[in-house]
Amino acid sequence: MKKSINSILRGKFLISEDSFKNWKLLLFLSFLAIIMIASSHSADRKVYEIAKLNEEVKELRSAFVDGRSMLMKLKMESSVVKKLANKGLSPSEIPPKKIKVKPQN
């Protein structure tokens, strides 16, 4: 057992006569390791991008809610009356009348 560990540590399996099959296996395993590392980096990059996009969605949703609430305040009758009072306009005291048009036959 000590002899086999010693031969592995010295690399005798790479320089022996039938070492070609060992080299093929090592190259294949190295290629698989490189693919695995690249895949891991790609997955990490996508996770960071998803987190960034989620933050952007939260910011845009917050801006939308703020804009919608500001619009609701601006559309209120009391705020419209205040803004138009500066220009000399006021709400009518007389309610509007409906005009009905009868079709001609």
PDB file of N, CA and C in Angstrom:
ATOM      1  N   MET A   1       0.829  -1.184   0.000  1.00  0.00           N
ATOM      2  CA  MET A   1       0.000   0.000   0.000  1.00  0.00           C
ATOM      3  C   MET A   1       0.876   1.251   0.000  1.00  0.00           C
ATOM      4  N   LYS A   2       1.932   1.234   0.807  1.00  0.00           N
ATOM      5  CA  LYS A   2       2.830   2.379   0.870  1.00  0.00           C
ATOM      6  C   LYS A   2       3.514   2.594  -0.471  1.00  0.00           C
ATOM      7  N   LYS A   3       3.789   1.478  -1.163  1.00  0.00           N
ATOM      8  CA  LYS A   3       4.460   1.563  -2.448  1.00  0.00           C
ATOM      9  C   LYS A   3       3.547   2.212  -3.503  1.00  0.00           C
ATOM     10  N   SER A   4       2.243   1.884  -3.484  1.00  0.00           N
ATOM     11  CA  SER A   4       1.314   2.439  -4.477  1.00  0.00           C
ATOM     12  C   SER A   4       1.090   3.935  -4.235  1.00  0.00           C
ATOM     13  N   ILE A   5       0.975   4.367  -2.993  1.00  0.00           N
ATOM     14  CA  ILE A   5       0.810   5.784  -2.692  1.00  0.00           C
ATOM     15  C   ILE A   5       2.057   6.551  -3.109  1.00  0.00           C
ATOM     16  N   ASN A   6       3.201   5.968  -2.837  1.00  0.00           N
ATOM     17  CA  ASN A   6       4.464   6.607  -3.196  1.00  0.00           C
ATOM     18  C   ASN A   6       4.590   6.736  -4.721  1.00  0.00           C
ATOM     19  N   SER A   7       4.156   5.713  -5.455  1.00  0.00           N
ATOM     20  CA  SER A   7       4.249   5.773  -6.919  1.00  0.00           C
ATOM     21  C   SER A   7       3.267   6.807  -7.496  1.00  0.00           C
ATOM     22  N   ILE A   8       2.115   6.967  -6.860  1.00  0.00           N
ATOM     23  CA  ILE A   8       1.145   7.978  -7.311  1.00  0.00           C
ATOM     24  C   ILE A   8       1.697   9.374  -7.053  1.00  0.00           C
ATOM     25  N   LEU A   9       2.271   9.578  -5.878  1.00  0.00           N
ATOM     26  CA  LEU A   9       2.821  10.895  -5.546  1.00  0.00           C
ATOM     27  C   LEU A   9       4.003  11.261  -6.439  1.00  0.00           C
ATOM     28  N   ARG A  10       4.771  10.310  -6.849  1.00  0.00           N
ATOM     29  CA  ARG A  10       5.915  10.583  -7.718  1.00  0.00           C
ATOM     30  C   ARG A  10       5.500  10.721  -9.187  1.00  0.00           C
ATOM     31  N   GLY A  11       4.277  10.311  -9.521  1.00  0.00           N
ATOM     32  CA  GLY A  11       3.783  10.458 -10.890  1.00  0.00           C
ATOM     33  C   GLY A  11       4.230   9.363 -11.824  1.00  0.00           C
ATOM     34  N   LYS A  12       4.527   8.187 -11.301  1.00  0.00           N
ATOM     35  CA  LYS A  12       4.989   7.097 -12.161  1.00  0.00           C
ATOM     36  C   LYS A  12       3.889   6.615 -13.103  1.00  0.00           C
ATOM     37  N   PHE A  13       2.631   6.801 -12.720  1.00  0.00           N
ATOM     38  CA  PHE A  13       1.535   6.356 -13.583  1.00  0.00           C
ATOM     39  C   PHE A  13       1.433   7.240 -14.845  1.00  0.00           C
ATOM     40  N   LEU A  14       2.095   8.398 -14.841  1.00  0.00           N
ATOM     41  CA  LEU A  14       2.060   9.281 -16.010  1.00  0.00           C
ATOM     42  C   LEU A  14       3.221   9.045 -16.983  1.00  0.00           C
ATOM     43  N   ILE A  15       4.242   8.366 -16.522  1.00  0.00           N
ATOM     44  CA  ILE A  15       5.406   8.159 -17.392  1.00  0.00           C
ATOM     45  C   ILE A  15       5.654   6.687 -17.711  1.00  0.00           C
ATOM     46  N   SER A  16       4.772   5.825 -17.275  1.00  0.00           N
ATOM     47  CA  SER A  16       4.947   4.399 -17.594  1.00  0.00           C
ATOM     48  C   SER A  16       4.572   4.147 -19.054  1.00  0.00           C
ATOM     49  N   GLU A  17       4.754   2.919 -19.517  1.00  0.00           N
ATOM     50  CA  GLU A  17       4.527   2.593 -20.928  1.00  0.00           C
ATOM     51  C   GLU A  17       3.057   2.700 -21.322  1.00  0.00           C
ATOM     52  N   ASP A  18       2.140   2.338 -20.438  1.00  0.00           N
ATOM     53  CA  ASP A  18       0.711   2.415 -20.756  1.00  0.00           C
ATOM     54  C   ASP A  18       0.067   3.695 -20.175  1.00  0.00           C
ATOM     55  N   SER A  19       0.837   4.748 -20.153  1.00  0.00           N
ATOM     56  CA  SER A  19       0.351   5.992 -19.548  1.00  0.00           C
ATOM     57  C   SER A  19      -0.590   6.779 -20.458  1.00  0.00           C
ATOM     58  N   PHE A  20      -0.679   6.411 -21.748  1.00  0.00           N
ATOM     59  CA  PHE A  20      -1.539   7.153 -22.673  1.00  0.00           C
ATOM     60  C   PHE A  20      -2.992   7.149 -22.222  1.00  0.00           C
ATOM     61  N   LYS A  21      -3.491   6.008 -21.740  1.00  0.00           N
ATOM     62  CA  LYS A  21      -4.885   5.958 -21.271  1.00  0.00           C
ATOM     63  C   LYS A  21      -5.058   6.794 -20.003  1.00  0.00           C
ATOM     64  N   ASN A  22      -4.027   6.868 -19.179  1.00  0.00           N
ATOM     65  CA  ASN A  22      -4.109   7.720 -17.992  1.00  0.00           C
ATOM     66  C   ASN A  22      -4.148   9.198 -18.379  1.00  0.00           C
ATOM     67  N   TRP A  23      -3.375   9.581 -19.389  1.00  0.00           N
ATOM     68  CA  TRP A  23      -3.370  10.978 -19.850  1.00  0.00           C
ATOM     69  C   TRP A  23      -4.719  11.357 -20.448  1.00  0.00           C
ATOM     70  N   LYS A  24      -5.320  10.421 -21.217  1.00  0.00           N
ATOM     71  CA  LYS A  24      -6.639  10.703 -21.788  1.00  0.00           C
ATOM     72  C   LYS A  24      -7.661  10.952 -20.683  1.00  0.00           C
ATOM     73  N   LEU A  25      -7.622  10.130 -19.641  1.00  0.00           N
ATOM     74  CA  LEU A  25      -8.558  10.295 -18.525  1.00  0.00           C
ATOM     75  C   LEU A  25      -8.323  11.622 -17.802  1.00  0.00           C
ATOM     76  N   LEU A  26      -7.068  11.981 -17.585  1.00  0.00           N
ATOM     77  CA  LEU A  26      -6.761  13.246 -16.919  1.00  0.00           C
ATOM     78  C   LEU A  26      -7.213  14.449 -17.748  1.00  0.00           C
ATOM     79  N   LEU A  27      -6.997  14.397 -19.058  1.00  0.00           N
ATOM     80  CA  LEU A  27      -7.442  15.487 -19.929  1.00  0.00           C
ATOM     81  C   LEU A  27      -8.969  15.595 -19.943  1.00  0.00           C
ATOM     82  N   PHE A  28      -9.647  14.457 -19.969  1.00  0.00           N
ATOM     83  CA  PHE A  28     -11.106  14.458 -19.942  1.00  0.00           C
ATOM     84  C   PHE A  28     -11.629  15.045 -18.631  1.00  0.00           C
ATOM     85  N   LEU A  29     -11.048  14.633 -17.519  1.00  0.00           N
ATOM     86  CA  LEU A  29     -11.478  15.157 -16.223  1.00  0.00           C
ATOM     87  C   LEU A  29     -11.181  16.652 -16.099  1.00  0.00           C
ATOM     88  N   SER A  30     -10.045  17.079 -16.656  1.00  0.00           N
ATOM     89  CA  SER A  30      -9.720  18.520 -16.641  1.00  0.00           C
ATOM     90  C   SER A  30     -10.733  19.310 -17.467  1.00  0.00           C
ATOM     91  N   PHE A  31     -11.099  18.777 -18.623  1.00  0.00           N
ATOM     92  CA  PHE A  31     -12.096  19.431 -19.472  1.00  0.00           C
ATOM     93  C   PHE A  31     -13.442  19.536 -18.748  1.00  0.00           C
ATOM     94  N   LEU A  32     -13.849  18.472 -18.074  1.00  0.00           N
ATOM     95  CA  LEU A  32     -15.105  18.510 -17.315  1.00  0.00           C
ATOM     96  C   LEU A  32     -15.038  19.520 -16.174  1.00  0.00           C
ATOM     97  N   ALA A  33     -13.903  19.629 -15.529  1.00  0.00           N
ATOM     98  CA  ALA A  33     -13.748  20.600 -14.434  1.00  0.00           C
ATOM     99  C   ALA A  33     -13.856  22.027 -14.957  1.00  0.00           C
ATOM    100  N   ILE A  34     -13.267  22.289 -16.119  1.00  0.00           N
ATOM    101  CA  ILE A  34     -13.340  23.631 -16.711  1.00  0.00           C
ATOM    102  C   ILE A  34     -14.782  23.970 -17.081  1.00  0.00           C
ATOM    103  N   ILE A  35     -15.500  23.016 -17.646  1.00  0.00           N
ATOM    104  CA  ILE A  35     -16.907  23.246 -17.991  1.00  0.00           C
ATOM    105  C   ILE A  35     -17.734  23.507 -16.738  1.00  0.00           C
ATOM    106  N   MET A  36     -17.479  22.749 -15.678  1.00  0.00           N
ATOM    107  CA  MET A  36     -18.217  22.924 -14.435  1.00  0.00           C
ATOM    108  C   MET A  36     -17.953  24.304 -13.826  1.00  0.00           C
ATOM    109  N   ILE A  37     -16.727  24.757 -13.848  1.00  0.00           N
ATOM    110  CA  ILE A  37     -16.380  26.071 -13.303  1.00  0.00           C
ATOM    111  C   ILE A  37     -17.046  27.178 -14.127  1.00  0.00           C
ATOM    112  N   ALA A  38     -17.023  27.053 -15.447  1.00  0.00           N
ATOM    113  CA  ALA A  38     -17.660  28.060 -16.310  1.00  0.00           C
ATOM    114  C   ALA A  38     -19.161  28.112 -16.077  1.00  0.00           C
ATOM    115  N   SER A  39     -19.773  26.952 -15.910  1.00  0.00           N
ATOM    116  CA  SER A  39     -21.214  26.894 -15.652  1.00  0.00           C
ATOM    117  C   SER A  39     -21.554  27.540 -14.312  1.00  0.00           C
ATOM    118  N   SER A  40     -20.735  27.305 -13.328  1.00  0.00           N
ATOM    119  CA  SER A  40     -20.953  27.899 -12.006  1.00  0.00           C
ATOM    120  C   SER A  40     -20.849  29.425 -12.066  1.00  0.00           C
ATOM    121  N   HIS A  41     -19.851  29.933 -12.795  1.00  0.00           N
ATOM    122  CA  HIS A  41     -19.701  31.383 -12.938  1.00  0.00           C
ATOM    123  C   HIS A  41     -20.900  31.986 -13.678  1.00  0.00           C
ATOM    124  N   SER A  42     -21.369  31.299 -14.687  1.00  0.00           N
ATOM    125  CA  SER A  42     -22.524  31.777 -15.442  1.00  0.00           C
ATOM    126  C   SER A  42     -23.771  31.829 -14.556  1.00  0.00           C
ATOM    127  N   ALA A  43     -23.971  30.810 -13.741  1.00  0.00           N
ATOM    128  CA  ALA A  43     -25.125  30.790 -12.832  1.00  0.00           C
ATOM    129  C   ALA A  43     -25.026  31.910 -11.806  1.00  0.00           C
ATOM    130  N   ASP A  44     -23.838  32.145 -11.269  1.00  0.00           N
ATOM    131  CA  ASP A  44     -23.657  33.236 -10.305  1.00  0.00           C
ATOM    132  C   ASP A  44     -23.950  34.589 -10.945  1.00  0.00           C
ATOM    133  N   ARG A  45     -23.505  34.777 -12.165  1.00  0.00           N
ATOM    134  CA  ARG A  45     -23.740  36.038 -12.875  1.00  0.00           C
ATOM    135  C   ARG A  45     -25.244  36.264 -13.054  1.00  0.00           C
ATOM    136  N   LYS A  46     -25.970  35.203 -13.386  1.00  0.00           N
ATOM    137  CA  LYS A  46     -27.419  35.328 -13.572  1.00  0.00           C
ATOM    138  C   LYS A  46     -28.122  35.624 -12.254  1.00  0.00           C
ATOM    139  N   VAL A  47     -27.662  35.035 -11.167  1.00  0.00           N
ATOM    140  CA  VAL A  47     -28.266  35.301  -9.858  1.00  0.00           C
ATOM    141  C   VAL A  47     -28.093  36.768  -9.482  1.00  0.00           C
ATOM    142  N   TYR A  48     -26.903  37.325  -9.718  1.00  0.00           N
ATOM    143  CA  TYR A  48     -26.665  38.738  -9.413  1.00  0.00           C
ATOM    144  C   TYR A  48     -27.528  39.634 -10.295  1.00  0.00           C
ATOM    145  N   GLU A  49     -27.678  39.260 -11.555  1.00  0.00           N
ATOM    146  CA  GLU A  49     -28.494  40.065 -12.459  1.00  0.00           C
ATOM    147  C   GLU A  49     -29.967  40.031 -12.039  1.00  0.00           C
ATOM    148  N   ILE A  50     -30.453  38.871 -11.617  1.00  0.00           N
ATOM    149  CA  ILE A  50     -31.838  38.759 -11.158  1.00  0.00           C
ATOM    150  C   ILE A  50     -32.057  39.602  -9.918  1.00  0.00           C
ATOM    151  N   ALA A  51     -31.117  39.586  -8.987  1.00  0.00           N
ATOM    152  CA  ALA A  51     -31.239  40.400  -7.781  1.00  0.00           C
ATOM    153  C   ALA A  51     -31.266  41.889  -8.131  1.00  0.00           C
ATOM    154  N   LYS A  52     -30.404  42.287  -9.069  1.00  0.00           N
ATOM    155  CA  LYS A  52     -30.365  43.695  -9.498  1.00  0.00           C
ATOM    156  C   LYS A  52     -31.684  44.098 -10.139  1.00  0.00           C
ATOM    157  N   LEU A  53     -32.239  43.244 -10.993  1.00  0.00           N
ATOM    158  CA  LEU A  53     -33.506  43.542 -11.648  1.00  0.00           C
ATOM    159  C   LEU A  53     -34.663  43.584 -10.648  1.00  0.00           C
ATOM    160  N   ASN A  54     -34.632  42.740  -9.629  1.00  0.00           N
ATOM    161  CA  ASN A  54     -35.673  42.783  -8.596  1.00  0.00           C
ATOM    162  C   ASN A  54     -35.640  44.100  -7.843  1.00  0.00           C
ATOM    163  N   GLU A  55     -34.444  44.597  -7.547  1.00  0.00           N
ATOM    164  CA  GLU A  55     -34.325  45.894  -6.881  1.00  0.00           C
ATOM    165  C   GLU A  55     -34.868  47.007  -7.770  1.00  0.00           C
ATOM    166  N   GLU A  56     -34.564  46.922  -9.062  1.00  0.00           N
ATOM    167  CA  GLU A  56     -35.062  47.934  -9.996  1.00  0.00           C
ATOM    168  C   GLU A  56     -36.586  47.900 -10.077  1.00  0.00           C
ATOM    169  N   VAL A  57     -37.167  46.706 -10.062  1.00  0.00           N
ATOM    170  CA  VAL A  57     -38.625  46.573 -10.097  1.00  0.00           C
ATOM    171  C   VAL A  57     -39.242  47.199  -8.851  1.00  0.00           C
ATOM    172  N   LYS A  58     -38.627  46.976  -7.693  1.00  0.00           N
ATOM    173  CA  LYS A  58     -39.142  47.570  -6.458  1.00  0.00           C
ATOM    174  C   LYS A  58     -39.105  49.098  -6.527  1.00  0.00           C
ATOM    175  N   GLU A  59     -38.001  49.650  -7.058  1.00  0.00           N
ATOM    176  CA  GLU A  59     -37.889  51.107  -7.173  1.00  0.00           C
ATOM    177  C   GLU A  59     -38.936  51.660  -8.131  1.00  0.00           C
ATOM    178  N   LEU A  60     -39.126  50.995  -9.275  1.00  0.00           N
ATOM    179  CA  LEU A  60     -40.106  51.463 -10.250  1.00  0.00           C
ATOM    180  C   LEU A  60     -41.531  51.351  -9.711  1.00  0.00           C
ATOM    181  N   ARG A  61     -41.814  50.298  -8.970  1.00  0.00           N
ATOM    182  CA  ARG A  61     -43.146  50.141  -8.380  1.00  0.00           C
ATOM    183  C   ARG A  61     -43.403  51.245  -7.357  1.00  0.00           C
ATOM    184  N   SER A  62     -42.384  51.573  -6.578  1.00  0.00           N
ATOM    185  CA  SER A  62     -42.513  52.650  -5.595  1.00  0.00           C
ATOM    186  C   SER A  62     -42.754  53.987  -6.291  1.00  0.00           C
ATOM    187  N   ALA A  63     -42.016  54.245  -7.370  1.00  0.00           N
ATOM    188  CA  ALA A  63     -42.213  55.485  -8.121  1.00  0.00           C
ATOM    189  C   ALA A  63     -43.613  55.537  -8.724  1.00  0.00           C
ATOM    190  N   PHE A  64     -44.122  54.405  -9.202  1.00  0.00           N
ATOM    191  CA  PHE A  64     -45.465  54.349  -9.767  1.00  0.00           C
ATOM    192  C   PHE A  64     -46.510  54.669  -8.713  1.00  0.00           C
ATOM    193  N   VAL A  65     -46.370  54.080  -7.526  1.00  0.00           N
ATOM    194  CA  VAL A  65     -47.339  54.328  -6.456  1.00  0.00           C
ATOM    195  C   VAL A  65     -47.292  55.792  -6.028  1.00  0.00           C
ATOM    196  N   ASP A  66     -46.091  56.368  -5.939  1.00  0.00           N
ATOM    197  CA  ASP A  66     -45.978  57.790  -5.583  1.00  0.00           C
ATOM    198  C   ASP A  66     -46.640  58.664  -6.641  1.00  0.00           C
ATOM    199  N   GLY A  67     -46.409  58.382  -7.903  1.00  0.00           N
ATOM    200  CA  GLY A  67     -47.013  59.156  -8.985  1.00  0.00           C
ATOM    201  C   GLY A  67     -48.523  59.034  -8.995  1.00  0.00           C
ATOM    202  N   ARG A  68     -49.018  57.819  -8.741  1.00  0.00           N
ATOM    203  CA  ARG A  68     -50.466  57.609  -8.725  1.00  0.00           C
ATOM    204  C   ARG A  68     -51.122  58.360  -7.577  1.00  0.00           C
ATOM    205  N   SER A  69     -50.490  58.356  -6.396  1.00  0.00           N
ATOM    206  CA  SER A  69     -51.068  59.080  -5.265  1.00  0.00           C
ATOM    207  C   SER A  69     -51.019  60.588  -5.503  1.00  0.00           C
ATOM    208  N   MET A  70     -49.949  61.074  -6.134  1.00  0.00           N
ATOM    209  CA  MET A  70     -49.866  62.507  -6.448  1.00  0.00           C
ATOM    210  C   MET A  70     -50.948  62.893  -7.456  1.00  0.00           C
ATOM    211  N   LEU A  71     -51.186  62.041  -8.437  1.00  0.00           N
ATOM    212  CA  LEU A  71     -52.231  62.300  -9.427  1.00  0.00           C
ATOM    213  C   LEU A  71     -53.604  62.340  -8.772  1.00  0.00           C
ATOM    214  N   MET A  72     -53.850  61.414  -7.842  1.00  0.00           N
ATOM    215  CA  MET A  72     -55.141  61.401  -7.149  1.00  0.00           C
ATOM    216  C   MET A  72     -55.344  62.696  -6.366  1.00  0.00           C
ATOM    217  N   LYS A  73     -54.279  63.212  -5.738  1.00  0.00           N
ATOM    218  CA  LYS A  73     -54.395  64.480  -5.003  1.00  0.00           C
ATOM    219  C   LYS A  73     -54.665  65.632  -5.957  1.00  0.00           C
ATOM    220  N   LEU A  74     -53.994  65.633  -7.128  1.00  0.00           N
ATOM    221  CA  LEU A  74     -54.197  66.710  -8.085  1.00  0.00           C
ATOM    222  C   LEU A  74     -55.586  66.678  -8.712  1.00  0.00           C
ATOM    223  N   LYS A  75     -56.191  65.507  -8.827  1.00  0.00           N
ATOM    224  CA  LYS A  75     -57.507  65.383  -9.445  1.00  0.00           C
ATOM    225  C   LYS A  75     -58.649  65.711  -8.492  1.00  0.00           C
ATOM    226  N   MET A  76     -58.358  65.824  -7.217  1.00  0.00           N
ATOM    227  CA  MET A  76     -59.428  66.114  -6.254  1.00  0.00           C
ATOM    228  C   MET A  76     -60.026  67.487  -6.547  1.00  0.00           C
ATOM    229  N   GLU A  77     -61.339  67.600  -6.355  1.00  0.00           N
ATOM    230  CA  GLU A  77     -62.035  68.845  -6.679  1.00  0.00           C
ATOM    231  C   GLU A  77     -61.500  70.012  -5.860  1.00  0.00           C
ATOM    232  N   SER A  78     -61.183  69.770  -4.604  1.00  0.00           N
ATOM    233  CA  SER A  78     -60.714  70.867  -3.754  1.00  0.00           C
ATOM    234  C   SER A  78     -59.382  71.431  -4.255  1.00  0.00           C
ATOM    235  N   SER A  79     -58.473  70.563  -4.723  1.00  0.00           N
ATOM    236  CA  SER A  79     -57.191  71.084  -5.215  1.00  0.00           C
ATOM    237  C   SER A  79     -57.365  71.791  -6.551  1.00  0.00           C
ATOM    238  N   VAL A  80     -58.294  71.340  -7.372  1.00  0.00           N
ATOM    239  CA  VAL A  80     -58.559  72.008  -8.648  1.00  0.00           C
ATOM    240  C   VAL A  80     -59.157  73.390  -8.398  1.00  0.00           C
ATOM    241  N   VAL A  81     -60.085  73.482  -7.433  1.00  0.00           N
ATOM    242  CA  VAL A  81     -60.702  74.767  -7.099  1.00  0.00           C
ATOM    243  C   VAL A  81     -59.651  75.736  -6.583  1.00  0.00           C
ATOM    244  N   LYS A  82     -58.729  75.281  -5.753  1.00  0.00           N
ATOM    245  CA  LYS A  82     -57.671  76.155  -5.222  1.00  0.00           C
ATOM    246  C   LYS A  82     -56.779  76.682  -6.337  1.00  0.00           C
ATOM    247  N   LYS A  83     -56.415  75.805  -7.273  1.00  0.00           N
ATOM    248  CA  LYS A  83     -55.523  76.232  -8.356  1.00  0.00           C
ATOM    249  C   LYS A  83     -56.219  77.205  -9.301  1.00  0.00           C
ATOM    250  N   LEU A  84     -57.499  76.987  -9.550  1.00  0.00           N
ATOM    251  CA  LEU A  84     -58.218  77.865 -10.469  1.00  0.00           C
ATOM    252  C   LEU A  84     -58.676  79.151  -9.790  1.00  0.00           C
ATOM    253  N   ALA A  85     -58.711  79.202  -8.468  1.00  0.00           N
ATOM    254  CA  ALA A  85     -59.103  80.426  -7.753  1.00  0.00           C
ATOM    255  C   ALA A  85     -58.084  81.528  -8.024  1.00  0.00           C
ATOM    256  N   ASN A  86     -56.831  81.183  -8.201  1.00  0.00           N
ATOM    257  CA  ASN A  86     -55.797  82.178  -8.517  1.00  0.00           C
ATOM    258  C   ASN A  86     -56.057  82.845  -9.862  1.00  0.00           C
ATOM    259  N   LYS A  87     -56.691  82.132 -10.764  1.00  0.00           N
ATOM    260  CA  LYS A  87     -56.973  82.669 -12.102  1.00  0.00           C
ATOM    261  C   LYS A  87     -58.339  83.343 -12.179  1.00  0.00           C
ATOM    262  N   GLY A  88     -59.050  83.369 -11.075  1.00  0.00           N
ATOM    263  CA  GLY A  88     -60.348  84.040 -11.046  1.00  0.00           C
ATOM    264  C   GLY A  88     -61.508  83.144 -11.407  1.00  0.00           C
ATOM    265  N   LEU A  89     -61.320  81.867 -11.507  1.00  0.00           N
ATOM    266  CA  LEU A  89     -62.414  80.937 -11.820  1.00  0.00           C
ATOM    267  C   LEU A  89     -62.920  80.300 -10.535  1.00  0.00           C
ATOM    268  N   SER A  90     -64.225  80.067 -10.488  1.00  0.00           N
ATOM    269  CA  SER A  90     -64.815  79.406  -9.321  1.00  0.00           C
ATOM    270  C   SER A  90     -65.885  78.436  -9.805  1.00  0.00           C
ATOM    271  N   PRO A  91     -66.270  77.500  -8.956  1.00  0.00           N
ATOM    272  CA  PRO A  91     -67.318  76.551  -9.377  1.00  0.00           C
ATOM    273  C   PRO A  91     -68.650  77.263  -9.565  1.00  0.00           C
ATOM    274  N   SER A  92     -69.449  76.745 -10.451  1.00  0.00           N
ATOM    275  CA  SER A  92     -70.748  77.335 -10.756  1.00  0.00           C
ATOM    276  C   SER A  92     -71.707  77.103  -9.597  1.00  0.00           C
ATOM    277  N   GLU A  93     -72.527  78.130  -9.315  1.00  0.00           N
ATOM    278  CA  GLU A  93     -73.535  78.013  -8.260  1.00  0.00           C
ATOM    279  C   GLU A  93     -74.795  77.350  -8.805  1.00  0.00           C
ATOM    280  N   ILE A  94     -75.006  77.454 -10.110  1.00  0.00           N
ATOM    281  CA  ILE A  94     -76.187  76.883 -10.748  1.00  0.00           C
ATOM    282  C   ILE A  94     -75.821  75.499 -11.286  1.00  0.00           C
ATOM    283  N   PRO A  95     -76.576  74.474 -10.903  1.00  0.00           N
ATOM    284  CA  PRO A  95     -76.248  73.142 -11.403  1.00  0.00           C
ATOM    285  C   PRO A  95     -76.480  73.041 -12.915  1.00  0.00           C
ATOM    286  N   PRO A  96     -75.780  72.157 -13.578  1.00  0.00           N
ATOM    287  CA  PRO A  96     -75.941  72.012 -15.019  1.00  0.00           C
ATOM    288  C   PRO A  96     -77.299  71.410 -15.383  1.00  0.00           C
ATOM    289  N   LYS A  97     -77.754  71.698 -16.591  1.00  0.00           N
ATOM    290  CA  LYS A  97     -79.027  71.165 -17.080  1.00  0.00           C
ATOM    291  C   LYS A  97     -78.734  70.191 -18.216  1.00  0.00           C
ATOM    292  N   LYS A  98     -79.520  69.152 -18.265  1.00  0.00           N
ATOM    293  CA  LYS A  98     -79.386  68.166 -19.345  1.00  0.00           C
ATOM    294  C   LYS A  98     -80.123  68.658 -20.569  1.00  0.00           C
ATOM    295  N   ILE A  99     -79.510  68.461 -21.687  1.00  0.00           N
ATOM    296  CA  ILE A  99     -80.134  68.809 -22.956  1.00  0.00           C
ATOM    297  C   ILE A  99     -80.494  67.478 -23.634  1.00  0.00           C
ATOM    298  N   LYS A 100     -81.755  67.311 -23.896  1.00  0.00           N
ATOM    299  CA  LYS A 100     -82.206  66.092 -24.553  1.00  0.00           C
ATOM    300  C   LYS A 100     -82.569  66.405 -25.990  1.00  0.00           C
ATOM    301  N   VAL A 101     -82.039  65.627 -26.883  1.00  0.00           N
ATOM    302  CA  VAL A 101     -82.347  65.803 -28.303  1.00  0.00           C
ATOM    303  C   VAL A 101     -83.231  64.644 -28.732  1.00  0.00           C
ATOM    304  N   LYS A 102     -84.400  65.005 -29.263  1.00  0.00           N
ATOM    305  CA  LYS A 102     -85.345  63.979 -29.724  1.00  0.00           C
ATOM    306  C   LYS A 102     -85.039  63.670 -31.189  1.00  0.00           C
ATOM    307  N   PRO A 103     -84.943  62.387 -31.500  1.00  0.00           N
ATOM    308  CA  PRO A 103     -84.665  62.045 -32.907  1.00  0.00           C
ATOM    309  C   PRO A 103     -85.868  62.374 -33.803  1.00  0.00           C
ATOM    310  N   GLN A 104     -85.600  62.847 -34.997  1.00  0.00           N
ATOM    311  CA  GLN A 104     -86.666  63.164 -35.966  1.00  0.00           C
ATOM    312  C   GLN A 104     -86.978  61.928 -36.791  1.00  0.00           C
ATOM    313  N   ASN A 105     -88.264  61.600 -36.871  1.00  0.00           N
ATOM    314  CA  ASN A 105     -88.693  60.434 -37.646  1.00  0.00           C
ATOM    315  C   ASN A 105     -89.372  60.823 -38.902  1.00  0.00           C
TER     316      ASN A 105
END
